[in-house]
């Protein structure tokens, strides 16, 4: 999924150039339509990557009581969900699993990206053409946390390298500038925003997949155990509506840009709309990679989650709380 800095970066690109515990019961107030109110958290600033949800709202596929909310730049990924001010959030399933191991009460109820967005990027003219050639090289990453970090660890494992075989530089969310200036030889970032932003800035890059079949699961639909207990039917309907938005998004990037204008007004400009469309196309490739049937969009499987948990456990990134597939996954579609 997108980070705080990446969300701001992507907004600039298109505008100036994107935990487990016991369930608790309860009932929520009803809206005038009879549906329970729901708030869907779209992490950080508005941008084209959230257009599937904008589309679902524009096409009135959500109940009238469903609201979309963007986090503030300083807000934690799961803070609003844990506080009860959000009922569903778009976040990495891997990040949710690690948060669960540290005591958060989270449940993954649907998928979003079927392909893992994190990749290694090098300049197009770099001599680095494989992960194994990262040995001895400087790799820039925001820090030792989150999807960028998990993706880097997976890339090293895929290449048969250890952290000691490379020079890992924690550079905050400055990967693009670091690569363009030559401060690092490679960066860890997202294929649908960092790569697009670099190319828009005039730097062609080579993307290296972190694994042939990554065991990690990225952007997904995540709720809390409390919200799931109190609003299961409403959440199920919201997940189904979100999937319809995803299906429209992957087939019609122009409609995606049009729906995003309400949230990113500068996309009314043809030049900015064209840039946003590139991000939409790259994002669509993550939602529906080649070979995936349309009816599989938004679905997430038990075997995928099992593989992810096994890998994260091997990485030793979990906290003290046990995380199982049975507790982490409750697919509503």
C-alpha atoms as a PDB file:
ATOM      1  CA  UNK A   1       0.000   0.000   0.000  1.00  0.00           C
ATOM      2  CA  UNK A   2       1.019   3.637  -0.104  1.00  0.00           C
ATOM      3  CA  UNK A   3       3.012   5.271   2.641  1.00  0.00           C
ATOM      4  CA  UNK A   4       2.445   8.755   4.026  1.00  0.00           C
ATOM      5  CA  UNK A   5       5.251  10.238   1.983  1.00  0.00           C
ATOM      6  CA  UNK A   6       4.281   8.262  -1.095  1.00  0.00           C
ATOM      7  CA  UNK A   7       0.706   9.453  -0.863  1.00  0.00           C
ATOM      8  CA  UNK A   8       1.882  13.051  -0.718  1.00  0.00           C
ATOM      9  CA  UNK A   9       4.379  12.387  -3.513  1.00  0.00           C
ATOM     10  CA  UNK A  10       1.732  10.943  -5.761  1.00  0.00           C
ATOM     11  CA  UNK A  11      -0.639  13.782  -5.032  1.00  0.00           C
ATOM     12  CA  UNK A  12       2.133  16.097  -6.122  1.00  0.00           C
ATOM     13  CA  UNK A  13       2.691  13.983  -9.225  1.00  0.00           C
ATOM     14  CA  UNK A  14      -0.896  14.271 -10.356  1.00  0.00           C
ATOM     15  CA  UNK A  15      -1.383  17.817  -9.122  1.00  0.00           C
ATOM     16  CA  UNK A  16       1.927  19.519  -9.790  1.00  0.00           C
ATOM     17  CA  UNK A  17       4.088  17.972 -12.255  1.00  0.00           C
ATOM     18  CA  UNK A  18      -0.185   8.515  -4.295  1.00  0.00           C
ATOM     19  CA  UNK A  19      -4.000  -7.368  15.433  1.00  0.00           C
ATOM     20  CA  UNK A  20      -6.065 -10.006  17.285  1.00  0.00           C
ATOM     21  CA  UNK A  21      -8.154 -10.276  20.422  1.00  0.00           C
ATOM     22  CA  UNK A  22     -11.556 -11.160  21.729  1.00  0.00           C
ATOM     23  CA  UNK A  23     -14.562  -9.924  19.821  1.00  0.00           C
ATOM     24  CA  UNK A  24     -16.896  -7.522  21.511  1.00  0.00           C
ATOM     25  CA  UNK A  25     -20.599  -7.342  20.843  1.00  0.00           C
ATOM     26  CA  UNK A  26     -22.834  -4.337  20.404  1.00  0.00           C
ATOM     27  CA  UNK A  27     -25.231  -2.660  18.072  1.00  0.00           C
ATOM     28  CA  UNK A  28     -24.643   0.437  16.021  1.00  0.00           C
ATOM     29  CA  UNK A  29     -27.122   3.167  15.279  1.00  0.00           C
ATOM     30  CA  UNK A  30     -29.060   2.919  12.031  1.00  0.00           C
ATOM     31  CA  UNK A  31     -29.121   5.524   9.321  1.00  0.00           C
ATOM     32  CA  UNK A  32     -32.333   6.795   7.825  1.00  0.00           C
ATOM     33  CA  UNK A  33     -31.941   4.181   5.072  1.00  0.00           C
ATOM     34  CA  UNK A  34     -31.873   1.369   7.616  1.00  0.00           C
ATOM     35  CA  UNK A  35     -28.224   0.498   6.978  1.00  0.00           C
ATOM     36  CA  UNK A  36     -25.606   0.708   9.697  1.00  0.00           C
ATOM     37  CA  UNK A  37     -23.214   3.627   9.264  1.00  0.00           C
ATOM     38  CA  UNK A  38     -19.728   2.654   8.086  1.00  0.00           C
ATOM     39  CA  UNK A  39     -16.561   4.651   7.606  1.00  0.00           C
ATOM     40  CA  UNK A  40     -13.950   3.346   5.181  1.00  0.00           C
ATOM     41  CA  UNK A  41     -10.450   4.615   5.841  1.00  0.00           C
ATOM     42  CA  UNK A  42      -8.366   5.475   2.787  1.00  0.00           C
ATOM     43  CA  UNK A  43      -4.878   5.950   4.104  1.00  0.00           C
ATOM     44  CA  UNK A  44      -3.453   9.443   3.876  1.00  0.00           C
ATOM     45  CA  UNK A  45      -4.106  11.941   1.093  1.00  0.00           C
ATOM     46  CA  UNK A  46      -6.581  11.510  -1.791  1.00  0.00           C
ATOM     47  CA  UNK A  47      -5.164  10.120  -5.034  1.00  0.00           C
ATOM     48  CA  UNK A  48      -5.976   7.952  -7.999  1.00  0.00           C
ATOM     49  CA  UNK A  49      -4.982   4.711  -6.256  1.00  0.00           C
ATOM     50  CA  UNK A  50      -8.161   4.937  -4.204  1.00  0.00           C
ATOM     51  CA  UNK A  51     -10.360   5.403  -7.270  1.00  0.00           C
ATOM     52  CA  UNK A  52     -12.005   1.946  -6.937  1.00  0.00           C
ATOM     53  CA  UNK A  53     -13.629   3.252  -3.770  1.00  0.00           C
ATOM     54  CA  UNK A  54     -14.412   6.624  -5.322  1.00  0.00           C
ATOM     55  CA  UNK A  55     -16.061   4.746  -8.201  1.00  0.00           C
ATOM     56  CA  UNK A  56     -18.147   2.589  -5.881  1.00  0.00           C
ATOM     57  CA  UNK A  57     -19.372   5.714  -4.143  1.00  0.00           C
ATOM     58  CA  UNK A  58     -20.006   7.639  -7.377  1.00  0.00           C
ATOM     59  CA  UNK A  59     -21.955   4.694  -8.796  1.00  0.00           C
ATOM     60  CA  UNK A  60     -24.012   4.456  -5.587  1.00  0.00           C
ATOM     61  CA  UNK A  61     -22.869   0.905  -4.922  1.00  0.00           C
ATOM     62  CA  UNK A  62     -22.299   1.698  -1.253  1.00  0.00           C
ATOM     63  CA  UNK A  63     -25.218   2.231   1.092  1.00  0.00           C
ATOM     64  CA  UNK A  64     -25.983   5.891   1.750  1.00  0.00           C
ATOM     65  CA  UNK A  65     -24.627   5.415   5.260  1.00  0.00           C
ATOM     66  CA  UNK A  66     -21.102   4.567   4.028  1.00  0.00           C
ATOM     67  CA  UNK A  67     -18.527   7.366   4.216  1.00  0.00           C
ATOM     68  CA  UNK A  68     -15.012   7.530   2.796  1.00  0.00           C
ATOM     69  CA  UNK A  69     -12.371   9.112   5.020  1.00  0.00           C
ATOM     70  CA  UNK A  70      -8.751   9.967   4.294  1.00  0.00           C
ATOM     71  CA  UNK A  71      -6.305   9.789   7.171  1.00  0.00           C
ATOM     72  CA  UNK A  72      -4.216  12.767   8.117  1.00  0.00           C
ATOM     73  CA  UNK A  73      -0.546  12.611   7.188  1.00  0.00           C
ATOM     74  CA  UNK A  74       0.489  12.012  10.803  1.00  0.00           C
ATOM     75  CA  UNK A  75      -2.145   9.413  11.655  1.00  0.00           C
ATOM     76  CA  UNK A  76      -1.142   5.810  12.271  1.00  0.00           C
ATOM     77  CA  UNK A  77      -2.294   3.169   9.817  1.00  0.00           C
ATOM     78  CA  UNK A  78      -4.692   1.423  12.192  1.00  0.00           C
ATOM     79  CA  UNK A  79      -5.265   4.142  14.803  1.00  0.00           C
ATOM     80  CA  UNK A  80      -8.753   5.169  13.663  1.00  0.00           C
ATOM     81  CA  UNK A  81      -9.797   1.553  13.182  1.00  0.00           C
ATOM     82  CA  UNK A  82      -8.677   0.647  16.689  1.00  0.00           C
ATOM     83  CA  UNK A  83     -10.378   3.748  18.100  1.00  0.00           C
ATOM     84  CA  UNK A  84     -13.658   2.857  16.401  1.00  0.00           C
ATOM     85  CA  UNK A  85     -13.851   5.939  14.184  1.00  0.00           C
ATOM     86  CA  UNK A  86     -13.280   3.766  11.116  1.00  0.00           C
ATOM     87  CA  UNK A  87     -14.808   0.383  10.337  1.00  0.00           C
ATOM     88  CA  UNK A  88     -12.735  -0.702   7.356  1.00  0.00           C
ATOM     89  CA  UNK A  89      -9.300   0.402   6.229  1.00  0.00           C
ATOM     90  CA  UNK A  90      -7.180  -0.194   3.149  1.00  0.00           C
ATOM     91  CA  UNK A  91      -3.846  -1.543   4.386  1.00  0.00           C
ATOM     92  CA  UNK A  92      -1.361  -4.338   3.846  1.00  0.00           C
ATOM     93  CA  UNK A  93      -2.438  -7.736   5.138  1.00  0.00           C
ATOM     94  CA  UNK A  94       1.187  -8.237   6.134  1.00  0.00           C
ATOM     95  CA  UNK A  95       1.131  -5.003   8.122  1.00  0.00           C
ATOM     96  CA  UNK A  96      -2.137  -6.077   9.759  1.00  0.00           C
ATOM     97  CA  UNK A  97      -0.602  -9.417  10.731  1.00  0.00           C
ATOM     98  CA  UNK A  98       2.383  -7.747  12.378  1.00  0.00           C
ATOM     99  CA  UNK A  99       0.086  -5.276  14.158  1.00  0.00           C
ATOM    100  CA  UNK A 100      -1.951  -8.222  15.428  1.00  0.00           C
ATOM    101  CA  UNK A 101       1.177  -9.807  16.849  1.00  0.00           C
ATOM    102  CA  UNK A 102       1.657  -6.609  18.826  1.00  0.00           C
ATOM    103  CA  UNK A 103      -1.833  -6.663  20.289  1.00  0.00           C
ATOM    104  CA  UNK A 104      -4.085  -4.973  17.729  1.00  0.00           C
ATOM    105  CA  UNK A 105      -7.506  -6.527  17.149  1.00  0.00           C
ATOM    106  CA  UNK A 106      -7.646  -6.712  13.357  1.00  0.00           C
ATOM    107  CA  UNK A 107      -9.220  -9.006  10.779  1.00  0.00           C
ATOM    108  CA  UNK A 108      -8.609  -9.158   7.031  1.00  0.00           C
ATOM    109  CA  UNK A 109     -11.998  -9.413   5.305  1.00  0.00           C
ATOM    110  CA  UNK A 110     -11.127  -8.890   1.639  1.00  0.00           C
ATOM    111  CA  UNK A 111      -8.354  -8.457  -0.875  1.00  0.00           C
ATOM    112  CA  UNK A 112      -7.290  -5.488  -2.992  1.00  0.00           C
ATOM    113  CA  UNK A 113      -3.879  -5.984  -4.632  1.00  0.00           C
ATOM    114  CA  UNK A 114      -3.377  -9.523  -5.949  1.00  0.00           C
ATOM    115  CA  UNK A 115       0.238  -8.790  -6.869  1.00  0.00           C
ATOM    116  CA  UNK A 116       2.739  -7.479  -4.347  1.00  0.00           C
ATOM    117  CA  UNK A 117       3.454  -3.838  -5.148  1.00  0.00           C
ATOM    118  CA  UNK A 118       6.870  -3.581  -3.493  1.00  0.00           C
ATOM    119  CA  UNK A 119       9.822  -3.999  -5.812  1.00  0.00           C
ATOM    120  CA  UNK A 120      13.492  -3.075  -6.097  1.00  0.00           C
ATOM    121  CA  UNK A 121      14.252  -0.242  -8.506  1.00  0.00           C
ATOM    122  CA  UNK A 122      17.545   0.657 -10.139  1.00  0.00           C
ATOM    123  CA  UNK A 123      18.356   3.129 -12.922  1.00  0.00           C
ATOM    124  CA  UNK A 124      17.589   1.669 -16.338  1.00  0.00           C
ATOM    125  CA  UNK A 125      21.274   1.969 -17.294  1.00  0.00           C
ATOM    126  CA  UNK A 126      22.474   0.235 -14.105  1.00  0.00           C
ATOM    127  CA  UNK A 127      24.586  -2.911 -14.352  1.00  0.00           C
ATOM    128  CA  UNK A 128      22.250  -4.462 -11.764  1.00  0.00           C
ATOM    129  CA  UNK A 129      19.881  -6.744 -13.647  1.00  0.00           C
ATOM    130  CA  UNK A 130      19.125  -9.323 -10.950  1.00  0.00           C
ATOM    131  CA  UNK A 131      18.618  -9.398  -7.198  1.00  0.00           C
ATOM    132  CA  UNK A 132      21.858 -11.341  -6.736  1.00  0.00           C
ATOM    133  CA  UNK A 133      23.775  -8.379  -8.164  1.00  0.00           C
ATOM    134  CA  UNK A 134      22.698  -6.269  -5.191  1.00  0.00           C
ATOM    135  CA  UNK A 135      25.595  -7.767  -3.230  1.00  0.00           C
ATOM    136  CA  UNK A 136      27.757  -4.948  -1.897  1.00  0.00           C
ATOM    137  CA  UNK A 137      25.371  -2.273  -3.178  1.00  0.00           C
ATOM    138  CA  UNK A 138      23.688   0.598  -1.342  1.00  0.00           C
ATOM    139  CA  UNK A 139      19.934   0.056  -1.035  1.00  0.00           C
ATOM    140  CA  UNK A 140      17.682   2.881   0.138  1.00  0.00           C
ATOM    141  CA  UNK A 141      14.569   2.100   2.161  1.00  0.00           C
ATOM    142  CA  UNK A 142      12.346   4.253   4.405  1.00  0.00           C
ATOM    143  CA  UNK A 143      13.260   2.218   7.480  1.00  0.00           C
ATOM    144  CA  UNK A 144      13.106  -1.180   9.117  1.00  0.00           C
ATOM    145  CA  UNK A 145       9.317  -1.428   9.217  1.00  0.00           C
ATOM    146  CA  UNK A 146       6.282  -1.897   7.000  1.00  0.00           C
ATOM    147  CA  UNK A 147       5.858  -3.272   3.517  1.00  0.00           C
ATOM    148  CA  UNK A 148       9.043  -1.748   2.090  1.00  0.00           C
ATOM    149  CA  UNK A 149      11.060  -3.524   4.767  1.00  0.00           C
ATOM    150  CA  UNK A 150       9.236  -6.837   4.384  1.00  0.00           C
ATOM    151  CA  UNK A 151       9.735  -6.623   0.627  1.00  0.00           C
ATOM    152  CA  UNK A 152      13.451  -5.936   0.986  1.00  0.00           C
ATOM    153  CA  UNK A 153      13.918  -8.897   3.318  1.00  0.00           C
ATOM    154  CA  UNK A 154      12.086 -11.083   0.820  1.00  0.00           C
ATOM    155  CA  UNK A 155      14.257  -9.795  -2.034  1.00  0.00           C
ATOM    156  CA  UNK A 156      17.423 -10.620  -0.105  1.00  0.00           C
ATOM    157  CA  UNK A 157      16.148 -14.103   0.669  1.00  0.00           C
ATOM    158  CA  UNK A 158      15.237 -14.632  -2.985  1.00  0.00           C
ATOM    159  CA  UNK A 159      18.791 -13.679  -3.954  1.00  0.00           C
ATOM    160  CA  UNK A 160      20.417 -15.823  -1.276  1.00  0.00           C
ATOM    161  CA  UNK A 161      21.801 -12.722   0.407  1.00  0.00           C
ATOM    162  CA  UNK A 162      21.848 -11.593   4.032  1.00  0.00           C
ATOM    163  CA  UNK A 163      21.528  -8.078   5.374  1.00  0.00           C
ATOM    164  CA  UNK A 164      25.291  -8.104   5.874  1.00  0.00           C
ATOM    165  CA  UNK A 165      25.838  -8.686   2.157  1.00  0.00           C
ATOM    166  CA  UNK A 166      24.387  -5.292   1.226  1.00  0.00           C
ATOM    167  CA  UNK A 167      24.526  -1.749   2.545  1.00  0.00           C
ATOM    168  CA  UNK A 168      20.985  -0.964   3.729  1.00  0.00           C
ATOM    169  CA  UNK A 169      20.413   2.751   4.167  1.00  0.00           C
ATOM    170  CA  UNK A 170      17.369   3.983   6.087  1.00  0.00           C
ATOM    171  CA  UNK A 171      16.662   7.232   4.274  1.00  0.00           C
ATOM    172  CA  UNK A 172      13.070   7.991   5.190  1.00  0.00           C
ATOM    173  CA  UNK A 173      10.683   8.625   2.338  1.00  0.00           C
ATOM    174  CA  UNK A 174      13.337  10.089   0.057  1.00  0.00           C
ATOM    175  CA  UNK A 175      13.920   7.046  -2.158  1.00  0.00           C
ATOM    176  CA  UNK A 176      13.230   8.853  -5.418  1.00  0.00           C
ATOM    177  CA  UNK A 177      15.617  11.725  -4.694  1.00  0.00           C
ATOM    178  CA  UNK A 178      18.256   9.320  -3.390  1.00  0.00           C
ATOM    179  CA  UNK A 179      18.175   7.220  -6.550  1.00  0.00           C
ATOM    180  CA  UNK A 180      18.159  10.219  -8.877  1.00  0.00           C
ATOM    181  CA  UNK A 181      21.130  11.797  -7.094  1.00  0.00           C
ATOM    182  CA  UNK A 182      23.154   8.589  -7.017  1.00  0.00           C
ATOM    183  CA  UNK A 183      23.179   8.449  -3.223  1.00  0.00           C
ATOM    184  CA  UNK A 184      22.081   4.824  -3.455  1.00  0.00           C
ATOM    185  CA  UNK A 185      22.402   2.120  -6.095  1.00  0.00           C
ATOM    186  CA  UNK A 186      18.869   0.809  -5.636  1.00  0.00           C
ATOM    187  CA  UNK A 187      15.703   1.656  -3.756  1.00  0.00           C
ATOM    188  CA  UNK A 188      12.778  -0.247  -2.334  1.00  0.00           C
ATOM    189  CA  UNK A 189       9.446   1.185  -3.416  1.00  0.00           C
ATOM    190  CA  UNK A 190       6.076   0.635  -5.022  1.00  0.00           C
ATOM    191  CA  UNK A 191       5.701  -0.287  -8.678  1.00  0.00           C
ATOM    192  CA  UNK A 192       2.545   1.773  -9.089  1.00  0.00           C
ATOM    193  CA  UNK A 193       3.785   5.025  -7.595  1.00  0.00           C
ATOM    194  CA  UNK A 194       7.541   5.337  -7.022  1.00  0.00           C
ATOM    195  CA  UNK A 195       8.313   3.870 -10.440  1.00  0.00           C
ATOM    196  CA  UNK A 196       5.736   6.083 -12.158  1.00  0.00           C
ATOM    197  CA  UNK A 197       6.933   9.190 -10.301  1.00  0.00           C
ATOM    198  CA  UNK A 198      10.561   8.535 -11.255  1.00  0.00           C
ATOM    199  CA  UNK A 199       9.684   8.108 -14.908  1.00  0.00           C
ATOM    200  CA  UNK A 200       7.605  11.295 -14.814  1.00  0.00           C
ATOM    201  CA  UNK A 201      10.669  13.047 -13.390  1.00  0.00           C
ATOM    202  CA  UNK A 202      12.696  11.905 -16.378  1.00  0.00           C
ATOM    203  CA  UNK A 203      14.494   8.912 -14.865  1.00  0.00           C
ATOM    204  CA  UNK A 204      13.888   5.548 -16.465  1.00  0.00           C
ATOM    205  CA  UNK A 205      14.124   2.666 -14.027  1.00  0.00           C
ATOM    206  CA  UNK A 206      14.405  -1.103 -14.061  1.00  0.00           C
ATOM    207  CA  UNK A 207      12.054  -2.893 -11.689  1.00  0.00           C
ATOM    208  CA  UNK A 208      13.189  -6.125 -10.036  1.00  0.00           C
ATOM    209  CA  UNK A 209      10.493  -8.324  -8.500  1.00  0.00           C
ATOM    210  CA  UNK A 210      11.229  -9.250  -4.881  1.00  0.00           C
ATOM    211  CA  UNK A 211      10.323 -12.897  -5.592  1.00  0.00           C
ATOM    212  CA  UNK A 212       8.842 -15.059  -8.321  1.00  0.00           C
ATOM    213  CA  UNK A 213       5.783 -15.789  -6.194  1.00  0.00           C
ATOM    214  CA  UNK A 214       5.896 -13.445  -3.183  1.00  0.00           C
ATOM    215  CA  UNK A 215       4.376 -14.985  -0.037  1.00  0.00           C
ATOM    216  CA  UNK A 216       3.501 -11.508   1.214  1.00  0.00           C
ATOM    217  CA  UNK A 217       0.035  -9.979   0.801  1.00  0.00           C
ATOM    218  CA  UNK A 218      -0.166  -6.247   0.332  1.00  0.00           C
ATOM    219  CA  UNK A 219      -3.098  -3.851   0.199  1.00  0.00           C
ATOM    220  CA  UNK A 220      -6.242  -5.523   1.540  1.00  0.00           C
ATOM    221  CA  UNK A 221      -9.511  -4.693   3.287  1.00  0.00           C
ATOM    222  CA  UNK A 222      -9.010  -4.768   7.052  1.00  0.00           C
ATOM    223  CA  UNK A 223     -11.506  -4.322   9.881  1.00  0.00           C
ATOM    224  CA  UNK A 224     -11.446  -4.685  13.656  1.00  0.00           C
ATOM    225  CA  UNK A 225     -12.860  -7.598  15.621  1.00  0.00           C
ATOM    226  CA  UNK A 226     -15.241  -5.171  17.327  1.00  0.00           C
ATOM    227  CA  UNK A 227     -16.571  -3.717  14.076  1.00  0.00           C
ATOM    228  CA  UNK A 228     -16.927  -7.174  12.550  1.00  0.00           C
ATOM    229  CA  UNK A 229     -18.971  -8.399  15.491  1.00  0.00           C
ATOM    230  CA  UNK A 230     -21.256  -5.364  15.460  1.00  0.00           C
ATOM    231  CA  UNK A 231     -21.572  -4.657  11.729  1.00  0.00           C
ATOM    232  CA  UNK A 232     -20.885  -7.888   9.873  1.00  0.00           C
ATOM    233  CA  UNK A 233     -23.703  -7.571   7.321  1.00  0.00           C
ATOM    234  CA  UNK A 234     -22.927  -3.923   6.620  1.00  0.00           C
ATOM    235  CA  UNK A 235     -19.238  -4.740   6.202  1.00  0.00           C
ATOM    236  CA  UNK A 236     -20.049  -7.612   3.863  1.00  0.00           C
ATOM    237  CA  UNK A 237     -22.105  -5.257   1.694  1.00  0.00           C
ATOM    238  CA  UNK A 238     -19.337  -2.634   1.735  1.00  0.00           C
ATOM    239  CA  UNK A 239     -16.717  -5.198   0.723  1.00  0.00           C
ATOM    240  CA  UNK A 240     -18.923  -6.381  -2.159  1.00  0.00           C
ATOM    241  CA  UNK A 241     -19.453  -2.789  -3.302  1.00  0.00           C
ATOM    242  CA  UNK A 242     -15.715  -2.103  -3.082  1.00  0.00           C
ATOM    243  CA  UNK A 243     -15.023  -5.115  -5.290  1.00  0.00           C
ATOM    244  CA  UNK A 244     -17.452  -3.757  -7.883  1.00  0.00           C
ATOM    245  CA  UNK A 245     -15.472  -0.530  -7.802  1.00  0.00           C
ATOM    246  CA  UNK A 246     -12.256  -2.497  -8.334  1.00  0.00           C
ATOM    247  CA  UNK A 247     -13.757  -4.306 -11.307  1.00  0.00           C
ATOM    248  CA  UNK A 248     -14.777  -1.021 -12.911  1.00  0.00           C
ATOM    249  CA  UNK A 249     -11.381   0.490 -12.150  1.00  0.00           C
ATOM    250  CA  UNK A 250      -9.366  -2.186 -13.954  1.00  0.00           C
ATOM    251  CA  UNK A 251     -11.485  -1.970 -17.101  1.00  0.00           C
ATOM    252  CA  UNK A 252     -11.928   1.794 -17.305  1.00  0.00           C
ATOM    253  CA  UNK A 253      -8.987   3.940 -16.128  1.00  0.00           C
ATOM    254  CA  UNK A 254     -10.616   7.006 -17.643  1.00  0.00           C
ATOM    255  CA  UNK A 255     -13.668   6.533 -15.418  1.00  0.00           C
ATOM    256  CA  UNK A 256     -11.268   6.134 -12.499  1.00  0.00           C
ATOM    257  CA  UNK A 257      -9.662   9.494 -13.221  1.00  0.00           C
ATOM    258  CA  UNK A 258     -13.070  11.124 -13.606  1.00  0.00           C
ATOM    259  CA  UNK A 259     -14.246   9.743 -10.250  1.00  0.00           C
ATOM    260  CA  UNK A 260     -11.051  10.938  -8.568  1.00  0.00           C
ATOM    261  CA  UNK A 261     -11.556  14.561  -9.660  1.00  0.00           C
ATOM    262  CA  UNK A 262     -13.986  15.087  -6.765  1.00  0.00           C
ATOM    263  CA  UNK A 263     -11.138  14.293  -4.345  1.00  0.00           C
ATOM    264  CA  UNK A 264      -8.191  15.606  -6.400  1.00  0.00           C
ATOM    265  CA  UNK A 265      -9.605  18.671  -8.231  1.00  0.00           C
ATOM    266  CA  UNK A 266      -6.400  19.276 -10.195  1.00  0.00           C
ATOM    267  CA  UNK A 267      -7.157  16.133 -12.189  1.00  0.00           C
ATOM    268  CA  UNK A 268      -9.618  18.261 -14.152  1.00  0.00           C
ATOM    269  CA  UNK A 269      -6.494  19.484 -15.968  1.00  0.00           C
ATOM    270  CA  UNK A 270      -5.760  17.247 -18.977  1.00  0.00           C
ATOM    271  CA  UNK A 271      -2.022  17.029 -18.274  1.00  0.00           C
ATOM    272  CA  UNK A 272      -2.522  16.000 -14.659  1.00  0.00           C
ATOM    273  CA  UNK A 273      -5.256  13.574 -15.687  1.00  0.00           C
ATOM    274  CA  UNK A 274      -2.854  11.887 -18.107  1.00  0.00           C
ATOM    275  CA  UNK A 275      -0.295  11.421 -15.334  1.00  0.00           C
ATOM    276  CA  UNK A 276      -2.937  10.031 -13.000  1.00  0.00           C
ATOM    277  CA  UNK A 277      -4.077   7.623 -15.688  1.00  0.00           C
ATOM    278  CA  UNK A 278      -0.582   6.093 -15.772  1.00  0.00           C
ATOM    279  CA  UNK A 279      -0.813   5.450 -12.041  1.00  0.00           C
ATOM    280  CA  UNK A 280      -4.287   3.976 -12.527  1.00  0.00           C
ATOM    281  CA  UNK A 281      -3.048   1.573 -15.189  1.00  0.00           C
ATOM    282  CA  UNK A 282      -0.109   0.486 -13.000  1.00  0.00           C
ATOM    283  CA  UNK A 283      -2.455  -0.001 -10.042  1.00  0.00           C
ATOM    284  CA  UNK A 284      -4.891  -2.015 -12.164  1.00  0.00           C
ATOM    285  CA  UNK A 285      -2.062  -4.445 -12.916  1.00  0.00           C
ATOM    286  CA  UNK A 286      -1.787  -5.105  -9.185  1.00  0.00           C
ATOM    287  CA  UNK A 287      -5.532  -5.536  -8.662  1.00  0.00           C
ATOM    288  CA  UNK A 288      -5.926  -7.832 -11.667  1.00  0.00           C
ATOM    289  CA  UNK A 289      -2.604  -9.235 -12.821  1.00  0.00           C
ATOM    290  CA  UNK A 290      -2.441 -11.064 -16.127  1.00  0.00           C
ATOM    291  CA  UNK A 291      -4.219 -14.413 -15.918  1.00  0.00           C
ATOM    292  CA  UNK A 292      -6.495 -13.504 -13.026  1.00  0.00           C
ATOM    293  CA  UNK A 293     -10.190 -13.776 -13.839  1.00  0.00           C
ATOM    294  CA  UNK A 294     -12.472 -10.865 -13.059  1.00  0.00           C
ATOM    295  CA  UNK A 295     -14.456 -12.909 -10.536  1.00  0.00           C
ATOM    296  CA  UNK A 296     -11.289 -13.371  -8.458  1.00  0.00           C
ATOM    297  CA  UNK A 297     -10.805  -9.636  -7.916  1.00  0.00           C
ATOM    298  CA  UNK A 298     -11.044  -8.796  -4.227  1.00  0.00           C
ATOM    299  CA  UNK A 299     -10.745 -12.376  -3.047  1.00  0.00           C
ATOM    300  CA  UNK A 300      -8.113 -13.604  -0.625  1.00  0.00           C
ATOM    301  CA  UNK A 301      -7.387 -17.260   0.088  1.00  0.00           C
ATOM    302  CA  UNK A 302      -6.580 -19.170   3.257  1.00  0.00           C
ATOM    303  CA  UNK A 303      -3.496 -20.768   1.702  1.00  0.00           C
ATOM    304  CA  UNK A 304      -2.129 -17.344   0.769  1.00  0.00           C
ATOM    305  CA  UNK A 305      -2.541 -16.122   4.334  1.00  0.00           C
ATOM    306  CA  UNK A 306      -0.937 -19.280   5.729  1.00  0.00           C
ATOM    307  CA  UNK A 307       2.095 -18.765   3.485  1.00  0.00           C
ATOM    308  CA  UNK A 308       2.344 -15.108   4.482  1.00  0.00           C
ATOM    309  CA  UNK A 309       2.204 -15.856   8.203  1.00  0.00           C
ATOM    310  CA  UNK A 310       4.835 -18.571   7.842  1.00  0.00           C
ATOM    311  CA  UNK A 311       7.164 -16.209   6.019  1.00  0.00           C
ATOM    312  CA  UNK A 312       6.669 -13.327   8.447  1.00  0.00           C
ATOM    313  CA  UNK A 313       7.335 -15.707  11.325  1.00  0.00           C
ATOM    314  CA  UNK A 314      10.570 -16.810   9.669  1.00  0.00           C
ATOM    315  CA  UNK A 315      11.571 -13.159   9.340  1.00  0.00           C
ATOM    316  CA  UNK A 316      11.108 -12.779  13.106  1.00  0.00           C
ATOM    317  CA  UNK A 317       9.107  -9.574  12.701  1.00  0.00           C
ATOM    318  CA  UNK A 318       6.222 -10.708  14.912  1.00  0.00           C
ATOM    319  CA  UNK A 319       5.579  -9.444  18.412  1.00  0.00           C
ATOM    320  CA  UNK A 320       4.623 -11.636  21.362  1.00  0.00           C
ATOM    321  CA  UNK A 321       0.982 -12.327  20.442  1.00  0.00           C
ATOM    322  CA  UNK A 322       0.288 -15.455  18.358  1.00  0.00           C
ATOM    323  CA  UNK A 323      -1.273 -14.820  14.952  1.00  0.00           C
ATOM    324  CA  UNK A 324      -3.124 -17.599  13.157  1.00  0.00           C
ATOM    325  CA  UNK A 325      -4.875 -17.699   9.831  1.00  0.00           C
ATOM    326  CA  UNK A 326      -8.148 -18.574  11.556  1.00  0.00           C
ATOM    327  CA  UNK A 327      -8.029 -15.360  13.582  1.00  0.00           C
ATOM    328  CA  UNK A 328      -6.517 -13.073  10.965  1.00  0.00           C
ATOM    329  CA  UNK A 329      -8.723 -13.999   7.998  1.00  0.00           C
ATOM    330  CA  UNK A 330     -12.516 -13.865   7.781  1.00  0.00           C
ATOM    331  CA  UNK A 331     -13.189 -13.312   4.089  1.00  0.00           C
ATOM    332  CA  UNK A 332     -16.526 -11.626   3.438  1.00  0.00           C
ATOM    333  CA  UNK A 333     -16.470 -12.300  -0.300  1.00  0.00           C
END
